[in-house]
């Protein structure tokens, strides 16, 4: 996909870190799919890796 976003919320070592730039792997129903600190690559091709997060938690740094 190529979009990069910066997390604006509070850090959580198991999820997202404040100020860190993440790659958006997909946009689903307006939410960003991001491989976060806790995510692992999914070995199954039909199940996407990462979790969905609302876009208001991020700022776009690259489209």
PDB file of N, CA and C in Angstrom:
ATOM      1  N   UNK A   1       0.830  -1.188   0.000  1.00  0.00           N
ATOM      2  CA  UNK A   1       0.000   0.000   0.000  1.00  0.00           C
ATOM      3  C   UNK A   1       0.874   1.250   0.000  1.00  0.00           C
ATOM      4  N   UNK A   2       1.873   1.310   0.877  1.00  0.00           N
ATOM      5  CA  UNK A   2       2.830   2.402   0.815  1.00  0.00           C
ATOM      6  C   UNK A   2       2.587   3.578   1.740  1.00  0.00           C
ATOM      7  N   UNK A   3       1.443   3.668   2.409  1.00  0.00           N
ATOM      8  CA  UNK A   3       1.193   4.798   3.299  1.00  0.00           C
ATOM      9  C   UNK A   3       1.903   4.585   4.631  1.00  0.00           C
ATOM     10  N   UNK A   4       2.482   5.683   5.160  1.00  0.00           N
ATOM     11  CA  UNK A   4       3.124   5.648   6.473  1.00  0.00           C
ATOM     12  C   UNK A   4       2.411   6.641   7.380  1.00  0.00           C
ATOM     13  N   UNK A   5       2.193   6.228   8.637  1.00  0.00           N
ATOM     14  CA  UNK A   5       1.500   7.076   9.601  1.00  0.00           C
ATOM     15  C   UNK A   5       2.280   7.106  10.912  1.00  0.00           C
ATOM     16  N   UNK A   6       2.138   8.221  11.650  1.00  0.00           N
ATOM     17  CA  UNK A   6       2.778   8.366  12.960  1.00  0.00           C
ATOM     18  C   UNK A   6       1.707   8.259  14.037  1.00  0.00           C
ATOM     19  N   UNK A   7       1.963   7.412  15.045  1.00  0.00           N
ATOM     20  CA  UNK A   7       1.015   7.212  16.136  1.00  0.00           C
ATOM     21  C   UNK A   7       1.067   8.404  17.080  1.00  0.00           C
ATOM     22  N   UNK A   8      -0.102   8.973  17.396  1.00  0.00           N
ATOM     23  CA  UNK A   8      -0.195  10.164  18.232  1.00  0.00           C
ATOM     24  C   UNK A   8      -0.640   9.870  19.657  1.00  0.00           C
ATOM     25  N   UNK A   9      -1.083   8.660  19.934  1.00  0.00           N
ATOM     26  CA  UNK A   9      -1.584   8.313  21.262  1.00  0.00           C
ATOM     27  C   UNK A   9      -0.463   7.998  22.239  1.00  0.00           C
ATOM     28  N   UNK A  10      -0.862   7.530  23.414  1.00  0.00           N
ATOM     29  CA  UNK A  10       0.107   7.160  24.441  1.00  0.00           C
ATOM     30  C   UNK A  10       0.731   5.811  24.116  1.00  0.00           C
ATOM     31  N   UNK A  11       2.008   5.673  24.454  1.00  0.00           N
ATOM     32  CA  UNK A  11       2.738   4.430  24.189  1.00  0.00           C
ATOM     33  C   UNK A  11       2.195   3.271  25.000  1.00  0.00           C
ATOM     34  N   UNK A  12       2.188   2.120  24.368  1.00  0.00           N
ATOM     35  CA  UNK A  12       1.890   0.855  25.027  1.00  0.00           C
ATOM     36  C   UNK A  12       2.859  -0.150  24.419  1.00  0.00           C
ATOM     37  N   UNK A  13       3.825  -0.637  25.207  1.00  0.00           N
ATOM     38  CA  UNK A  13       4.863  -1.508  24.648  1.00  0.00           C
ATOM     39  C   UNK A  13       4.335  -2.752  23.938  1.00  0.00           C
ATOM     40  N   UNK A  14       3.109  -3.150  24.240  1.00  0.00           N
ATOM     41  CA  UNK A  14       2.543  -4.324  23.575  1.00  0.00           C
ATOM     42  C   UNK A  14       1.757  -3.968  22.327  1.00  0.00           C
ATOM     43  N   UNK A  15       1.539  -2.681  22.102  1.00  0.00           N
ATOM     44  CA  UNK A  15       0.745  -2.284  20.945  1.00  0.00           C
ATOM     45  C   UNK A  15       1.498  -1.270  20.095  1.00  0.00           C
ATOM     46  N   UNK A  16       1.296   0.007  20.372  1.00  0.00           N
ATOM     47  CA  UNK A  16       1.878   1.070  19.561  1.00  0.00           C
ATOM     48  C   UNK A  16       2.704   2.009  20.432  1.00  0.00           C
ATOM     49  N   UNK A  17       3.729   2.610  19.824  1.00  0.00           N
ATOM     50  CA  UNK A  17       4.612   3.522  20.540  1.00  0.00           C
ATOM     51  C   UNK A  17       4.392   4.951  20.037  1.00  0.00           C
ATOM     52  N   UNK A  18       4.206   5.882  20.977  1.00  0.00           N
ATOM     53  CA  UNK A  18       3.975   7.290  20.636  1.00  0.00           C
ATOM     54  C   UNK A  18       5.106   7.814  19.746  1.00  0.00           C
ATOM     55  N   UNK A  19       4.723   8.448  18.653  1.00  0.00           N
ATOM     56  CA  UNK A  19       5.686   9.062  17.751  1.00  0.00           C
ATOM     57  C   UNK A  19       6.313   8.128  16.734  1.00  0.00           C
ATOM     58  N   UNK A  20       6.103   6.838  16.878  1.00  0.00           N
ATOM     59  CA  UNK A  20       6.694   5.887  15.932  1.00  0.00           C
ATOM     60  C   UNK A  20       5.917   5.893  14.624  1.00  0.00           C
ATOM     61  N   UNK A  21       6.639   5.745  13.530  1.00  0.00           N
ATOM     62  CA  UNK A  21       6.029   5.682  12.208  1.00  0.00           C
ATOM     63  C   UNK A  21       5.789   4.216  11.852  1.00  0.00           C
ATOM     64  N   UNK A  22       4.566   3.942  11.409  1.00  0.00           N
ATOM     65  CA  UNK A  22       4.160   2.580  11.050  1.00  0.00           C
ATOM     66  C   UNK A  22       3.724   2.542   9.590  1.00  0.00           C
ATOM     67  N   UNK A  23       3.927   1.398   8.962  1.00  0.00           N
ATOM     68  CA  UNK A  23       3.422   1.163   7.614  1.00  0.00           C
ATOM     69  C   UNK A  23       1.976   0.697   7.702  1.00  0.00           C
ATOM     70  N   UNK A  24       1.118   1.292   6.894  1.00  0.00           N
ATOM     71  CA  UNK A  24      -0.273   0.843   6.785  1.00  0.00           C
ATOM     72  C   UNK A  24      -0.301  -0.219   5.694  1.00  0.00           C
ATOM     73  N   UNK A  25      -0.701  -1.425   6.063  1.00  0.00           N
ATOM     74  CA  UNK A  25      -0.712  -2.513   5.086  1.00  0.00           C
ATOM     75  C   UNK A  25      -2.020  -2.579   4.305  1.00  0.00           C
ATOM     76  N   UNK A  26      -3.090  -1.962   4.851  1.00  0.00           N
ATOM     77  CA  UNK A  26      -4.387  -1.923   4.175  1.00  0.00           C
ATOM     78  C   UNK A  26      -5.275  -0.914   4.895  1.00  0.00           C
ATOM     79  N   UNK A  27      -6.296  -0.442   4.204  1.00  0.00           N
ATOM     80  CA  UNK A  27      -7.347   0.368   4.816  1.00  0.00           C
ATOM     81  C   UNK A  27      -8.634  -0.416   4.646  1.00  0.00           C
ATOM     82  N   UNK A  28      -9.277  -0.729   5.774  1.00  0.00           N
ATOM     83  CA  UNK A  28     -10.491  -1.540   5.757  1.00  0.00           C
ATOM     84  C   UNK A  28     -11.598  -0.792   6.474  1.00  0.00           C
ATOM     85  N   UNK A  29     -12.645  -0.444   5.732  1.00  0.00           N
ATOM     86  CA  UNK A  29     -13.765   0.330   6.273  1.00  0.00           C
ATOM     87  C   UNK A  29     -13.281   1.597   6.960  1.00  0.00           C
ATOM     88  N   UNK A  30     -12.246   2.230   6.395  1.00  0.00           N
ATOM     89  CA  UNK A  30     -11.717   3.480   6.919  1.00  0.00           C
ATOM     90  C   UNK A  30     -10.683   3.323   8.024  1.00  0.00           C
ATOM     91  N   UNK A  31     -10.483   2.122   8.524  1.00  0.00           N
ATOM     92  CA  UNK A  31      -9.499   1.881   9.597  1.00  0.00           C
ATOM     93  C   UNK A  31      -8.197   1.388   8.984  1.00  0.00           C
ATOM     94  N   UNK A  32      -7.076   1.685   9.661  1.00  0.00           N
ATOM     95  CA  UNK A  32      -5.753   1.298   9.181  1.00  0.00           C
ATOM     96  C   UNK A  32      -5.349  -0.067   9.733  1.00  0.00           C
ATOM     97  N   UNK A  33      -4.911  -0.943   8.848  1.00  0.00           N
ATOM     98  CA  UNK A  33      -4.333  -2.215   9.299  1.00  0.00           C
ATOM     99  C   UNK A  33      -2.830  -2.000   9.443  1.00  0.00           C
ATOM    100  N   UNK A  34      -2.342  -2.236  10.675  1.00  0.00           N
ATOM    101  CA  UNK A  34      -0.945  -1.976  11.016  1.00  0.00           C
ATOM    102  C   UNK A  34      -0.383  -3.186  11.740  1.00  0.00           C
ATOM    103  N   UNK A  35       0.833  -3.558  11.375  1.00  0.00           N
ATOM    104  CA  UNK A  35       1.561  -4.586  12.118  1.00  0.00           C
ATOM    105  C   UNK A  35       2.229  -3.850  13.273  1.00  0.00           C
ATOM    106  N   UNK A  36       1.685  -4.050  14.492  1.00  0.00           N
ATOM    107  CA  UNK A  36       2.160  -3.303  15.661  1.00  0.00           C
ATOM    108  C   UNK A  36       3.241  -4.067  16.411  1.00  0.00           C
ATOM    109  N   UNK A  37       3.581  -3.593  17.615  1.00  0.00           N
ATOM    110  CA  UNK A  37       4.664  -4.181  18.406  1.00  0.00           C
ATOM    111  C   UNK A  37       4.374  -5.629  18.804  1.00  0.00           C
ATOM    112  N   UNK A  38       3.100  -5.986  18.907  1.00  0.00           N
ATOM    113  CA  UNK A  38       2.703  -7.319  19.360  1.00  0.00           C
ATOM    114  C   UNK A  38       2.413  -8.276  18.201  1.00  0.00           C
ATOM    115  N   UNK A  39       2.246  -7.734  17.009  1.00  0.00           N
ATOM    116  CA  UNK A  39       1.865  -8.556  15.858  1.00  0.00           C
ATOM    117  C   UNK A  39       3.014  -9.434  15.398  1.00  0.00           C
ATOM    118  N   UNK A  40       2.641 -10.568  14.872  1.00  0.00           N
ATOM    119  CA  UNK A  40       3.596 -11.460  14.230  1.00  0.00           C
ATOM    120  C   UNK A  40       3.119 -11.677  12.808  1.00  0.00           C
ATOM    121  N   UNK A  41       4.043 -11.973  11.931  1.00  0.00           N
ATOM    122  CA  UNK A  41       3.651 -12.280  10.568  1.00  0.00           C
ATOM    123  C   UNK A  41       2.780 -13.529  10.578  1.00  0.00           C
ATOM    124  N   UNK A  42       1.659 -13.449   9.876  1.00  0.00           N
ATOM    125  CA  UNK A  42       0.729 -14.561   9.834  1.00  0.00           C
ATOM    126  C   UNK A  42       1.163 -15.548   8.755  1.00  0.00           C
ATOM    127  N   UNK A  43       1.336 -16.814   9.097  1.00  0.00           N
ATOM    128  CA  UNK A  43       1.772 -17.793   8.090  1.00  0.00           C
ATOM    129  C   UNK A  43       0.678 -18.171   7.091  1.00  0.00           C
ATOM    130  N   UNK A  44      -0.555 -17.766   7.356  1.00  0.00           N
ATOM    131  CA  UNK A  44      -1.669 -18.112   6.477  1.00  0.00           C
ATOM    132  C   UNK A  44      -1.966 -16.952   5.550  1.00  0.00           C
ATOM    133  N   UNK A  45      -1.897 -17.187   4.248  1.00  0.00           N
ATOM    134  CA  UNK A  45      -2.062 -16.123   3.268  1.00  0.00           C
ATOM    135  C   UNK A  45      -3.450 -15.498   3.293  1.00  0.00           C
ATOM    136  N   UNK A  46      -4.464 -16.245   3.693  1.00  0.00           N
ATOM    137  CA  UNK A  46      -5.833 -15.734   3.641  1.00  0.00           C
ATOM    138  C   UNK A  46      -6.213 -14.927   4.887  1.00  0.00           C
ATOM    139  N   UNK A  47      -5.328 -14.858   5.885  1.00  0.00           N
ATOM    140  CA  UNK A  47      -5.599 -14.078   7.095  1.00  0.00           C
ATOM    141  C   UNK A  47      -4.561 -12.966   7.176  1.00  0.00           C
ATOM    142  N   UNK A  48      -4.982 -11.693   7.119  1.00  0.00           N
ATOM    143  CA  UNK A  48      -4.000 -10.601   7.123  1.00  0.00           C
ATOM    144  C   UNK A  48      -3.312 -10.440   8.479  1.00  0.00           C
ATOM    145  N   UNK A  49      -2.040 -10.031   8.439  1.00  0.00           N
ATOM    146  CA  UNK A  49      -1.282  -9.749   9.655  1.00  0.00           C
ATOM    147  C   UNK A  49      -1.667  -8.379  10.188  1.00  0.00           C
ATOM    148  N   UNK A  50      -1.435  -8.168  11.473  1.00  0.00           N
ATOM    149  CA  UNK A  50      -1.663  -6.863  12.081  1.00  0.00           C
ATOM    150  C   UNK A  50      -3.060  -6.712  12.643  1.00  0.00           C
ATOM    151  N   UNK A  51      -3.328  -5.480  13.103  1.00  0.00           N
ATOM    152  CA  UNK A  51      -4.610  -5.147  13.721  1.00  0.00           C
ATOM    153  C   UNK A  51      -5.163  -3.881  13.078  1.00  0.00           C
ATOM    154  N   UNK A  52      -6.465  -3.668  13.238  1.00  0.00           N
ATOM    155  CA  UNK A  52      -7.105  -2.464  12.714  1.00  0.00           C
ATOM    156  C   UNK A  52      -7.155  -1.386  13.791  1.00  0.00           C
ATOM    157  N   UNK A  53      -6.827  -0.145  13.379  1.00  0.00           N
ATOM    158  CA  UNK A  53      -6.843   1.003  14.283  1.00  0.00           C
ATOM    159  C   UNK A  53      -7.569   2.158  13.606  1.00  0.00           C
ATOM    160  N   UNK A  54      -8.292   2.986  14.390  1.00  0.00           N
ATOM    161  CA  UNK A  54      -8.982   4.133  13.802  1.00  0.00           C
ATOM    162  C   UNK A  54      -7.977   5.194  13.353  1.00  0.00           C
ATOM    163  N   UNK A  55      -8.241   5.845  12.226  1.00  0.00           N
ATOM    164  CA  UNK A  55      -7.282   6.794  11.664  1.00  0.00           C
ATOM    165  C   UNK A  55      -7.039   8.032  12.528  1.00  0.00           C
ATOM    166  N   UNK A  56      -7.970   8.371  13.418  1.00  0.00           N
ATOM    167  CA  UNK A  56      -7.777   9.570  14.240  1.00  0.00           C
ATOM    168  C   UNK A  56      -6.634   9.434  15.249  1.00  0.00           C
ATOM    169  N   UNK A  57      -6.095   8.225  15.405  1.00  0.00           N
ATOM    170  CA  UNK A  57      -4.952   8.015  16.304  1.00  0.00           C
ATOM    171  C   UNK A  57      -3.613   8.303  15.621  1.00  0.00           C
ATOM    172  N   UNK A  58      -3.650   8.684  14.339  1.00  0.00           N
ATOM    173  CA  UNK A  58      -2.426   8.818  13.551  1.00  0.00           C
ATOM    174  C   UNK A  58      -2.429  10.102  12.737  1.00  0.00           C
ATOM    175  N   UNK A  59      -1.215  10.499  12.314  1.00  0.00           N
ATOM    176  CA  UNK A  59      -1.082  11.518  11.279  1.00  0.00           C
ATOM    177  C   UNK A  59      -0.353  10.870  10.111  1.00  0.00           C
ATOM    178  N   UNK A  60      -0.761  11.214   8.914  1.00  0.00           N
ATOM    179  CA  UNK A  60      -0.131  10.659   7.721  1.00  0.00           C
ATOM    180  C   UNK A  60       1.193  11.379   7.505  1.00  0.00           C
ATOM    181  N   UNK A  61       2.261  10.609   7.332  1.00  0.00           N
ATOM    182  CA  UNK A  61       3.569  11.202   7.062  1.00  0.00           C
ATOM    183  C   UNK A  61       4.022  10.934   5.628  1.00  0.00           C
ATOM    184  N   UNK A  62       3.411   9.954   4.974  1.00  0.00           N
ATOM    185  CA  UNK A  62       3.727   9.651   3.579  1.00  0.00           C
ATOM    186  C   UNK A  62       2.564   8.884   2.967  1.00  0.00           C
ATOM    187  N   UNK A  63       2.137   9.344   1.781  1.00  0.00           N
ATOM    188  CA  UNK A  63       1.043   8.637   1.097  1.00  0.00           C
ATOM    189  C   UNK A  63       1.565   7.863  -0.074  1.00  0.00           C
TER     190      UNK A  63
END
